[in-house]
Amino acid sequence: MWHTHPLGQTLIVTSGLGWVQSEGGPIEEIRPGDVVWFPPGEKHWHGATATTAMTHIAITESLNGKNVDWMERVSDEQYRK
């Protein structure tokens, strides 16, 4: 799911391979040990690749009781790029 975080988000990849993408940017591969920062309000998605699992620690803070705004699903076309 595409989403944003009012105070940003940090991901720490713990195992597997994954993909991250910010709106308008390329899909980037992430690996164990990678740390990814999404600035406040940046529309993005993250998840496993099409053929591998991925686990991560996600760190966010809440603003007025809210830490995420969920948006539309990542389409199959977007996911396969």
PDB file of N, CA and C in Angstrom:
ATOM      1  N   MET A   1       0.844  -1.184   0.000  1.00  0.00           N
ATOM      2  CA  MET A   1       0.000   0.000   0.000  1.00  0.00           C
ATOM      3  C   MET A   1       0.888   1.246   0.000  1.00  0.00           C
ATOM      4  N   TRP A   2       0.523   2.183  -0.846  1.00  0.00           N
ATOM      5  CA  TRP A   2       1.164   3.488  -0.785  1.00  0.00           C
ATOM      6  C   TRP A   2       0.741   4.139   0.529  1.00  0.00           C
ATOM      7  N   HIS A   3       1.637   4.867   1.151  1.00  0.00           N
ATOM      8  CA  HIS A   3       1.302   5.522   2.405  1.00  0.00           C
ATOM      9  C   HIS A   3       2.300   6.634   2.716  1.00  0.00           C
ATOM     10  N   THR A   4       1.949   7.446   3.704  1.00  0.00           N
ATOM     11  CA  THR A   4       2.832   8.493   4.208  1.00  0.00           C
ATOM     12  C   THR A   4       2.842   8.412   5.733  1.00  0.00           C
ATOM     13  N   HIS A   5       3.803   9.093   6.324  1.00  0.00           N
ATOM     14  CA  HIS A   5       3.898   9.184   7.781  1.00  0.00           C
ATOM     15  C   HIS A   5       4.090  10.652   8.142  1.00  0.00           C
ATOM     16  N   PRO A   6       3.293  11.173   9.083  1.00  0.00           N
ATOM     17  CA  PRO A   6       3.376  12.600   9.388  1.00  0.00           C
ATOM     18  C   PRO A   6       4.731  13.042   9.949  1.00  0.00           C
ATOM     19  N   LEU A   7       5.461  12.121  10.588  1.00  0.00           N
ATOM     20  CA  LEU A   7       6.774  12.464  11.137  1.00  0.00           C
ATOM     21  C   LEU A   7       7.887  11.619  10.522  1.00  0.00           C
ATOM     22  N   GLY A   8       7.619  11.014   9.376  1.00  0.00           N
ATOM     23  CA  GLY A   8       8.619  10.206   8.691  1.00  0.00           C
ATOM     24  C   GLY A   8       8.660   8.771   9.194  1.00  0.00           C
ATOM     25  N   GLN A   9       9.498   7.959   8.558  1.00  0.00           N
ATOM     26  CA  GLN A   9       9.630   6.546   8.917  1.00  0.00           C
ATOM     27  C   GLN A   9      11.056   6.081   8.643  1.00  0.00           C
ATOM     28  N   THR A  10      11.570   5.271   9.559  1.00  0.00           N
ATOM     29  CA  THR A  10      12.857   4.607   9.382  1.00  0.00           C
ATOM     30  C   THR A  10      12.612   3.111   9.280  1.00  0.00           C
ATOM     31  N   LEU A  11      13.212   2.470   8.276  1.00  0.00           N
ATOM     32  CA  LEU A  11      13.175   1.016   8.138  1.00  0.00           C
ATOM     33  C   LEU A  11      14.576   0.471   8.358  1.00  0.00           C
ATOM     34  N   ILE A  12      14.665  -0.638   9.084  1.00  0.00           N
ATOM     35  CA  ILE A  12      15.920  -1.364   9.258  1.00  0.00           C
ATOM     36  C   ILE A  12      15.665  -2.782   8.765  1.00  0.00           C
ATOM     37  N   VAL A  13      16.308  -3.169   7.679  1.00  0.00           N
ATOM     38  CA  VAL A  13      16.088  -4.495   7.092  1.00  0.00           C
ATOM     39  C   VAL A  13      16.849  -5.522   7.924  1.00  0.00           C
ATOM     40  N   THR A  14      16.138  -6.581   8.350  1.00  0.00           N
ATOM     41  CA  THR A  14      16.750  -7.608   9.194  1.00  0.00           C
ATOM     42  C   THR A  14      17.029  -8.909   8.453  1.00  0.00           C
ATOM     43  N   SER A  15      16.265  -9.210   7.405  1.00  0.00           N
ATOM     44  CA  SER A  15      16.542 -10.415   6.615  1.00  0.00           C
ATOM     45  C   SER A  15      15.837 -10.333   5.272  1.00  0.00           C
ATOM     46  N   GLY A  16      16.331 -11.129   4.320  1.00  0.00           N
ATOM     47  CA  GLY A  16      15.711 -11.218   3.004  1.00  0.00           C
ATOM     48  C   GLY A  16      16.070 -10.051   2.099  1.00  0.00           C
ATOM     49  N   LEU A  17      15.308  -9.961   1.015  1.00  0.00           N
ATOM     50  CA  LEU A  17      15.459  -8.875   0.046  1.00  0.00           C
ATOM     51  C   LEU A  17      14.120  -8.175  -0.096  1.00  0.00           C
ATOM     52  N   GLY A  18      14.157  -6.866  -0.224  1.00  0.00           N
ATOM     53  CA  GLY A  18      12.924  -6.120  -0.384  1.00  0.00           C
ATOM     54  C   GLY A  18      13.073  -5.006  -1.388  1.00  0.00           C
ATOM     55  N   TRP A  19      11.963  -4.340  -1.617  1.00  0.00           N
ATOM     56  CA  TRP A  19      11.919  -3.189  -2.506  1.00  0.00           C
ATOM     57  C   TRP A  19      11.303  -2.016  -1.762  1.00  0.00           C
ATOM     58  N   VAL A  20      11.786  -0.824  -2.071  1.00  0.00           N
ATOM     59  CA  VAL A  20      11.176   0.417  -1.600  1.00  0.00           C
ATOM     60  C   VAL A  20      11.037   1.346  -2.792  1.00  0.00           C
ATOM     61  N   GLN A  21      10.016   2.180  -2.746  1.00  0.00           N
ATOM     62  CA  GLN A  21       9.835   3.172  -3.800  1.00  0.00           C
ATOM     63  C   GLN A  21       9.133   4.383  -3.224  1.00  0.00           C
ATOM     64  N   SER A  22       9.668   5.551  -3.515  1.00  0.00           N
ATOM     65  CA  SER A  22       8.992   6.808  -3.224  1.00  0.00           C
ATOM     66  C   SER A  22       8.296   7.260  -4.494  1.00  0.00           C
ATOM     67  N   GLU A  23       7.183   7.948  -4.352  1.00  0.00           N
ATOM     68  CA  GLU A  23       6.411   8.386  -5.513  1.00  0.00           C
ATOM     69  C   GLU A  23       7.299   9.156  -6.486  1.00  0.00           C
ATOM     70  N   GLY A  24       7.265   8.734  -7.750  1.00  0.00           N
ATOM     71  CA  GLY A  24       8.042   9.387  -8.790  1.00  0.00           C
ATOM     72  C   GLY A  24       9.470   8.893  -8.909  1.00  0.00           C
ATOM     73  N   GLY A  25       9.892   8.022  -7.997  1.00  0.00           N
ATOM     74  CA  GLY A  25      11.260   7.517  -8.015  1.00  0.00           C
ATOM     75  C   GLY A  25      11.326   6.071  -8.467  1.00  0.00           C
ATOM     76  N   PRO A  26      12.535   5.558  -8.627  1.00  0.00           N
ATOM     77  CA  PRO A  26      12.705   4.162  -9.044  1.00  0.00           C
ATOM     78  C   PRO A  26      12.489   3.209  -7.871  1.00  0.00           C
ATOM     79  N   ILE A  27      12.196   1.961  -8.173  1.00  0.00           N
ATOM     80  CA  ILE A  27      12.185   0.923  -7.145  1.00  0.00           C
ATOM     81  C   ILE A  27      13.637   0.620  -6.793  1.00  0.00           C
ATOM     82  N   GLU A  28      13.930   0.567  -5.500  1.00  0.00           N
ATOM     83  CA  GLU A  28      15.283   0.275  -5.039  1.00  0.00           C
ATOM     84  C   GLU A  28      15.274  -0.999  -4.208  1.00  0.00           C
ATOM     85  N   GLU A  29      16.305  -1.822  -4.385  1.00  0.00           N
ATOM     86  CA  GLU A  29      16.421  -3.057  -3.613  1.00  0.00           C
ATOM     87  C   GLU A  29      17.027  -2.749  -2.249  1.00  0.00           C
ATOM     88  N   ILE A  30      16.492  -3.397  -1.217  1.00  0.00           N
ATOM     89  CA  ILE A  30      17.040  -3.259   0.130  1.00  0.00           C
ATOM     90  C   ILE A  30      17.431  -4.635   0.651  1.00  0.00           C
ATOM     91  N   ARG A  31      18.490  -4.658   1.461  1.00  0.00           N
ATOM     92  CA  ARG A  31      19.086  -5.903   1.956  1.00  0.00           C
ATOM     93  C   ARG A  31      19.308  -5.809   3.469  1.00  0.00           C
ATOM     94  N   PRO A  32      19.576  -6.949   4.117  1.00  0.00           N
ATOM     95  CA  PRO A  32      19.837  -6.917   5.558  1.00  0.00           C
ATOM     96  C   PRO A  32      20.924  -5.899   5.919  1.00  0.00           C
ATOM     97  N   GLY A  33      20.647  -5.134   6.957  1.00  0.00           N
ATOM     98  CA  GLY A  33      21.570  -4.093   7.404  1.00  0.00           C
ATOM     99  C   GLY A  33      21.281  -2.725   6.826  1.00  0.00           C
ATOM    100  N   ASP A  34      20.508  -2.661   5.738  1.00  0.00           N
ATOM    101  CA  ASP A  34      20.161  -1.362   5.156  1.00  0.00           C
ATOM    102  C   ASP A  34      19.228  -0.596   6.090  1.00  0.00           C
ATOM    103  N   VAL A  35      19.435   0.701   6.149  1.00  0.00           N
ATOM    104  CA  VAL A  35      18.559   1.606   6.893  1.00  0.00           C
ATOM    105  C   VAL A  35      18.008   2.607   5.884  1.00  0.00           C
ATOM    106  N   VAL A  36      16.692   2.726   5.844  1.00  0.00           N
ATOM    107  CA  VAL A  36      16.020   3.597   4.873  1.00  0.00           C
ATOM    108  C   VAL A  36      15.215   4.640   5.640  1.00  0.00           C
ATOM    109  N   TRP A  37      15.322   5.899   5.231  1.00  0.00           N
ATOM    110  CA  TRP A  37      14.564   6.993   5.846  1.00  0.00           C
ATOM    111  C   TRP A  37      13.608   7.574   4.823  1.00  0.00           C
ATOM    112  N   PHE A  38      12.331   7.681   5.199  1.00  0.00           N
ATOM    113  CA  PHE A  38      11.327   8.380   4.400  1.00  0.00           C
ATOM    114  C   PHE A  38      10.958   9.651   5.157  1.00  0.00           C
ATOM    115  N   PRO A  39      11.161  10.823   4.563  1.00  0.00           N
ATOM    116  CA  PRO A  39      10.831  12.080   5.240  1.00  0.00           C
ATOM    117  C   PRO A  39       9.326  12.213   5.501  1.00  0.00           C
ATOM    118  N   PRO A  40       8.950  13.087   6.427  1.00  0.00           N
ATOM    119  CA  PRO A  40       7.538  13.317   6.712  1.00  0.00           C
ATOM    120  C   PRO A  40       6.747  13.638   5.443  1.00  0.00           C
ATOM    121  N   GLY A  41       5.610  12.967   5.287  1.00  0.00           N
ATOM    122  CA  GLY A  41       4.713  13.232   4.168  1.00  0.00           C
ATOM    123  C   GLY A  41       5.127  12.635   2.839  1.00  0.00           C
ATOM    124  N   GLU A  42       6.258  11.943   2.768  1.00  0.00           N
ATOM    125  CA  GLU A  42       6.704  11.365   1.491  1.00  0.00           C
ATOM    126  C   GLU A  42       5.913  10.088   1.183  1.00  0.00           C
ATOM    127  N   LYS A  43       5.209  10.098   0.063  1.00  0.00           N
ATOM    128  CA  LYS A  43       4.406   8.944  -0.350  1.00  0.00           C
ATOM    129  C   LYS A  43       5.343   7.833  -0.819  1.00  0.00           C
ATOM    130  N   HIS A  44       5.159   6.627  -0.259  1.00  0.00           N
ATOM    131  CA  HIS A  44       6.063   5.527  -0.564  1.00  0.00           C
ATOM    132  C   HIS A  44       5.401   4.181  -0.277  1.00  0.00           C
ATOM    133  N   TRP A  45       6.095   3.121  -0.684  1.00  0.00           N
ATOM    134  CA  TRP A  45       5.712   1.761  -0.296  1.00  0.00           C
ATOM    135  C   TRP A  45       6.985   0.961  -0.095  1.00  0.00           C
ATOM    136  N   HIS A  46       6.851  -0.152   0.625  1.00  0.00           N
ATOM    137  CA  HIS A  46       7.978  -1.056   0.846  1.00  0.00           C
ATOM    138  C   HIS A  46       7.437  -2.453   1.071  1.00  0.00           C
ATOM    139  N   GLY A  47       8.223  -3.449   0.667  1.00  0.00           N
ATOM    140  CA  GLY A  47       7.801  -4.828   0.854  1.00  0.00           C
ATOM    141  C   GLY A  47       8.818  -5.793   0.284  1.00  0.00           C
ATOM    142  N   ALA A  48       8.450  -7.065   0.301  1.00  0.00           N
ATOM    143  CA  ALA A  48       9.298  -8.119  -0.246  1.00  0.00           C
ATOM    144  C   ALA A  48       9.387  -7.982  -1.762  1.00  0.00           C
ATOM    145  N   THR A  49      10.399  -8.628  -2.349  1.00  0.00           N
ATOM    146  CA  THR A  49      10.465  -8.674  -3.810  1.00  0.00           C
ATOM    147  C   THR A  49       9.434  -9.687  -4.300  1.00  0.00           C
ATOM    148  N   ALA A  50       9.341  -9.835  -5.604  1.00  0.00           N
ATOM    149  CA  ALA A  50       8.376 -10.782  -6.179  1.00  0.00           C
ATOM    150  C   ALA A  50       8.750 -12.230  -5.883  1.00  0.00           C
ATOM    151  N   THR A  51      10.007 -12.497  -5.528  1.00  0.00           N
ATOM    152  CA  THR A  51      10.451 -13.887  -5.340  1.00  0.00           C
ATOM    153  C   THR A  51      11.079 -14.176  -3.982  1.00  0.00           C
ATOM    154  N   THR A  52      11.238 -13.177  -3.132  1.00  0.00           N
ATOM    155  CA  THR A  52      11.866 -13.404  -1.828  1.00  0.00           C
ATOM    156  C   THR A  52      11.097 -12.706  -0.717  1.00  0.00           C
ATOM    157  N   ALA A  53      11.225 -13.253   0.477  1.00  0.00           N
ATOM    158  CA  ALA A  53      10.629 -12.629   1.657  1.00  0.00           C
ATOM    159  C   ALA A  53      11.578 -11.558   2.192  1.00  0.00           C
ATOM    160  N   MET A  54      11.041 -10.663   3.014  1.00  0.00           N
ATOM    161  CA  MET A  54      11.854  -9.627   3.638  1.00  0.00           C
ATOM    162  C   MET A  54      11.234  -9.292   4.982  1.00  0.00           C
ATOM    163  N   THR A  55      12.069  -9.148   6.004  1.00  0.00           N
ATOM    164  CA  THR A  55      11.584  -8.662   7.292  1.00  0.00           C
ATOM    165  C   THR A  55      12.350  -7.391   7.644  1.00  0.00           C
ATOM    166  N   HIS A  56      11.685  -6.540   8.405  1.00  0.00           N
ATOM    167  CA  HIS A  56      12.295  -5.271   8.774  1.00  0.00           C
ATOM    168  C   HIS A  56      11.697  -4.752  10.069  1.00  0.00           C
ATOM    169  N   ILE A  57      12.397  -3.839  10.669  1.00  0.00           N
ATOM    170  CA  ILE A  57      11.892  -3.077  11.802  1.00  0.00           C
ATOM    171  C   ILE A  57      11.481  -1.719  11.248  1.00  0.00           C
ATOM    172  N   ALA A  58      10.260  -1.300  11.553  1.00  0.00           N
ATOM    173  CA  ALA A  58       9.760  -0.001  11.097  1.00  0.00           C
ATOM    174  C   ALA A  58       9.594   0.905  12.312  1.00  0.00           C
ATOM    175  N   ILE A  59      10.172   2.090  12.241  1.00  0.00           N
ATOM    176  CA  ILE A  59      10.109   3.044  13.344  1.00  0.00           C
ATOM    177  C   ILE A  59       9.378   4.297  12.867  1.00  0.00           C
ATOM    178  N   THR A  60       8.286   4.613  13.550  1.00  0.00           N
ATOM    179  CA  THR A  60       7.532   5.832  13.259  1.00  0.00           C
ATOM    180  C   THR A  60       7.119   6.469  14.580  1.00  0.00           C
ATOM    181  N   GLU A  61       6.812   7.742  14.533  1.00  0.00           N
ATOM    182  CA  GLU A  61       6.261   8.444  15.684  1.00  0.00           C
ATOM    183  C   GLU A  61       4.882   8.963  15.310  1.00  0.00           C
ATOM    184  N   SER A  62       4.069   9.169  16.311  1.00  0.00           N
ATOM    185  CA  SER A  62       2.711   9.657  16.082  1.00  0.00           C
ATOM    186  C   SER A  62       2.643  11.174  16.217  1.00  0.00           C
ATOM    187  N   LEU A  63       1.771  11.749  15.426  1.00  0.00           N
ATOM    188  CA  LEU A  63       1.442  13.165  15.525  1.00  0.00           C
ATOM    189  C   LEU A  63      -0.057  13.251  15.742  1.00  0.00           C
ATOM    190  N   ASN A  64      -0.464  13.780  16.862  1.00  0.00           N
ATOM    191  CA  ASN A  64      -1.887  13.849  17.209  1.00  0.00           C
ATOM    192  C   ASN A  64      -2.542  12.477  17.139  1.00  0.00           C
ATOM    193  N   GLY A  65      -1.823  11.447  17.609  1.00  0.00           N
ATOM    194  CA  GLY A  65      -2.368  10.094  17.670  1.00  0.00           C
ATOM    195  C   GLY A  65      -2.336   9.325  16.367  1.00  0.00           C
ATOM    196  N   LYS A  66      -1.726   9.875  15.324  1.00  0.00           N
ATOM    197  CA  LYS A  66      -1.709   9.204  14.020  1.00  0.00           C
ATOM    198  C   LYS A  66      -0.276   9.052  13.536  1.00  0.00           C
ATOM    199  N   ASN A  67       0.078   7.814  13.080  1.00  0.00           N
ATOM    200  CA  ASN A  67       1.439   7.617  12.580  1.00  0.00           C
ATOM    201  C   ASN A  67       1.502   7.202  11.118  1.00  0.00           C
ATOM    202  N   VAL A  68       0.345   6.989  10.474  1.00  0.00           N
ATOM    203  CA  VAL A  68       0.353   6.587   9.062  1.00  0.00           C
ATOM    204  C   VAL A  68      -0.942   7.026   8.389  1.00  0.00           C
ATOM    205  N   ASP A  69      -0.834   7.378   7.120  1.00  0.00           N
ATOM    206  CA  ASP A  69      -1.998   7.636   6.264  1.00  0.00           C
ATOM    207  C   ASP A  69      -1.932   6.629   5.128  1.00  0.00           C
ATOM    208  N   TRP A  70      -2.828   5.637   5.146  1.00  0.00           N
ATOM    209  CA  TRP A  70      -2.870   4.614   4.099  1.00  0.00           C
ATOM    210  C   TRP A  70      -3.556   5.168   2.865  1.00  0.00           C
ATOM    211  N   MET A  71      -3.040   4.811   1.706  1.00  0.00           N
ATOM    212  CA  MET A  71      -3.559   5.305   0.431  1.00  0.00           C
ATOM    213  C   MET A  71      -3.931   4.121  -0.455  1.00  0.00           C
ATOM    214  N   GLU A  72      -3.730   4.261  -1.762  1.00  0.00           N
ATOM    215  CA  GLU A  72      -4.136   3.208  -2.698  1.00  0.00           C
ATOM    216  C   GLU A  72      -3.139   2.047  -2.697  1.00  0.00           C
ATOM    217  N   ARG A  73      -3.614   0.914  -3.195  1.00  0.00           N
ATOM    218  CA  ARG A  73      -2.766  -0.271  -3.324  1.00  0.00           C
ATOM    219  C   ARG A  73      -1.687  -0.034  -4.381  1.00  0.00           C
ATOM    220  N   VAL A  74      -0.558  -0.675  -4.202  1.00  0.00           N
ATOM    221  CA  VAL A  74       0.483  -0.687  -5.232  1.00  0.00           C
ATOM    222  C   VAL A  74      -0.021  -1.611  -6.332  1.00  0.00           C
ATOM    223  N   SER A  75      -0.130  -1.113  -7.550  1.00  0.00           N
ATOM    224  CA  SER A  75      -0.657  -1.935  -8.645  1.00  0.00           C
ATOM    225  C   SER A  75       0.359  -2.996  -9.048  1.00  0.00           C
ATOM    226  N   ASP A  76      -0.116  -4.055  -9.698  1.00  0.00           N
ATOM    227  CA  ASP A  76       0.786  -5.088 -10.214  1.00  0.00           C
ATOM    228  C   ASP A  76       1.800  -4.474 -11.172  1.00  0.00           C
ATOM    229  N   GLU A  77       1.358  -3.528 -11.988  1.00  0.00           N
ATOM    230  CA  GLU A  77       2.258  -2.869 -12.945  1.00  0.00           C
ATOM    231  C   GLU A  77       3.366  -2.105 -12.214  1.00  0.00           C
ATOM    232  N   GLN A  78       3.005  -1.370 -11.163  1.00  0.00           N
ATOM    233  CA  GLN A  78       4.004  -0.632 -10.394  1.00  0.00           C
ATOM    234  C   GLN A  78       4.974  -1.592  -9.706  1.00  0.00           C
ATOM    235  N   TYR A  79       4.454  -2.681  -9.167  1.00  0.00           N
ATOM    236  CA  TYR A  79       5.265  -3.638  -8.414  1.00  0.00           C
ATOM    237  C   TYR A  79       6.269  -4.357  -9.303  1.00  0.00           C
ATOM    238  N   ARG A  80       5.926  -4.577 -10.552  1.00  0.00           N
ATOM    239  CA  ARG A  80       6.784  -5.340 -11.469  1.00  0.00           C
ATOM    240  C   ARG A  80       7.853  -4.501 -12.148  1.00  0.00           C
ATOM    241  N   LYS A  81       7.829  -3.188 -12.003  1.00  0.00           N
ATOM    242  CA  LYS A  81       8.807  -2.325 -12.695  1.00  0.00           C
ATOM    243  C   LYS A  81      10.211  -2.563 -12.183  1.00  0.00           C
TER     244      LYS A  81
END
